[in-house]
Structures are given as structure tokens and as C-alpha cells.
């Protein structure tokens, strides 16, 4: 989950190349396995990854907790406002 002011987004941390877990890098995300790189929005900027990191739907539970629905991919750039 990333946050910019009052906006939040859930971006997958699973590399779209072979499924390794990406980590935070200076300009976005980086895969330690085969060198794929992604910008802060999850778009591929280098390496063998075939597509961008997916974004997932965010919502608030009745108790106020933030929920990430990993079964529901949404369009990249669609932010949840808190």
C-alpha cells in the first residue's frame, strides 16, 4: 500500500516476470531475482518483466480497517481517498 497525501493505492509486490517479490527502490520498485524495475506507479522501466504491477481495490471495513481485495484488479492510477 502506498500513500500520497490523502490518497492510497494497493500495488502488487509480485514481479510479473517470474513471481519474485519486488522491493522498494530509489525510483519505484526493483526485482532482486532478474533485474526488472518498475516506477512508483508499477509501470515497467527495465528488465524482463512483460507487464506492469497490478493495482488492487482498496476499501474500508465497517471497523475502519483498510482492506485490500487482491481478487479484484483495478485500473492503474485509480486511487482510494481517505
Protein backbone atom coordinates (compact mmCIF):
# COMPACT_ATOMS: atom_id res chain seq x y z
CA UNK A 1 0.00 0.00 0.00
CA UNK A 2 1.35 3.40 -0.98
CA UNK A 3 0.12 6.80 0.13
CA UNK A 4 0.29 10.27 -1.38
CA UNK A 5 -1.39 12.80 0.88
CA UNK A 6 -4.99 11.68 1.35
CA UNK A 7 -4.81 9.13 -1.50
CA UNK A 8 -3.86 5.47 -1.16
CA UNK A 9 -3.28 2.63 -3.60
CA UNK A 10 -2.50 -1.07 -3.33
CA UNK A 11 0.09 -2.19 -5.86
CA UNK A 12 1.17 -5.83 -6.10
CA UNK A 13 4.68 -6.66 -4.94
CA UNK A 14 4.85 -9.78 -7.14
CA UNK A 15 7.10 -9.34 -10.18
CA UNK A 16 5.25 -10.04 -13.42
CA UNK A 17 8.29 -11.84 -14.84
CA UNK A 18 8.57 -14.97 -12.66
CA UNK A 19 6.79 -14.07 -9.43
CA UNK A 20 9.61 -12.91 -7.17
CA UNK A 21 8.80 -10.28 -4.55
CA UNK A 22 9.89 -6.79 -5.56
CA UNK A 23 11.35 -4.32 -3.10
CA UNK A 24 11.30 -0.56 -2.81
CA UNK A 25 13.97 1.18 -4.90
CA UNK A 26 15.03 4.82 -5.32
CA UNK A 27 12.63 5.42 -8.21
CA UNK A 28 9.95 2.79 -7.56
CA UNK A 29 10.35 -0.98 -7.22
CA UNK A 30 13.05 -3.47 -8.18
CA UNK A 31 13.06 -7.25 -8.51
CA UNK A 32 16.09 -8.86 -6.87
CA UNK A 33 15.81 -12.06 -8.94
CA UNK A 34 16.21 -10.99 -12.57
CA UNK A 35 16.53 -7.19 -12.51
CA UNK A 36 13.08 -6.00 -13.53
CA UNK A 37 12.44 -2.41 -12.49
CA UNK A 38 9.18 -0.53 -12.06
CA UNK A 39 8.38 3.14 -11.48
CA UNK A 40 6.33 4.36 -8.49
CA UNK A 41 3.08 3.53 -10.31
CA UNK A 42 4.23 -0.03 -11.09
CA UNK A 43 4.99 0.53 -14.78
CA UNK A 44 7.92 -1.46 -16.21
CA UNK A 45 11.02 0.67 -16.70
CA UNK A 46 13.56 -2.09 -17.31
CA UNK A 47 14.35 -5.78 -17.26
CA UNK A 48 12.44 -8.83 -18.46
CA UNK A 49 9.05 -8.09 -16.82
CA UNK A 50 6.34 -8.36 -19.51
CA UNK A 51 3.80 -6.03 -17.88
CA UNK A 52 3.20 -3.55 -15.08
CA UNK A 53 2.47 -4.48 -11.48
CA UNK A 54 -1.30 -4.80 -10.96
CA UNK A 55 -3.27 -2.45 -8.73
CA UNK A 56 -5.86 -3.87 -6.32
CA UNK A 57 -9.10 -2.44 -4.96
CA UNK A 58 -8.97 -0.77 -1.53
CA UNK A 59 -11.92 -0.20 0.80
CA UNK A 60 -12.69 0.46 4.44
CA UNK A 61 -14.17 -2.31 6.57
CA UNK A 62 -17.03 -1.46 8.96
CA UNK A 63 -14.50 -1.30 11.80
CA UNK A 64 -12.42 1.29 9.88
CA UNK A 65 -9.61 -1.07 8.86
CA UNK A 66 -8.20 -0.76 5.37
CA UNK A 67 -8.93 -3.81 3.19
CA UNK A 68 -7.05 -4.87 0.06
CA UNK A 69 -9.05 -7.07 -2.33
CA UNK A 70 -6.36 -9.00 -4.23
CA UNK A 71 -9.06 -10.80 -6.22
CA UNK A 72 -10.14 -7.50 -7.82
CA UNK A 73 -7.56 -5.81 -10.05
CA UNK A 74 -8.37 -2.20 -10.88
CA UNK A 75 -7.10 0.26 -13.46
CA UNK A 76 -3.68 1.65 -12.58
CA UNK A 77 -3.97 5.19 -11.31
CA UNK A 78 -7.32 4.68 -9.56
CA UNK A 79 -6.64 5.95 -6.05
CA UNK A 80 -8.66 5.41 -2.87
CA UNK A 81 -9.24 8.66 -0.97
CA UNK A 82 -9.19 8.56 2.83
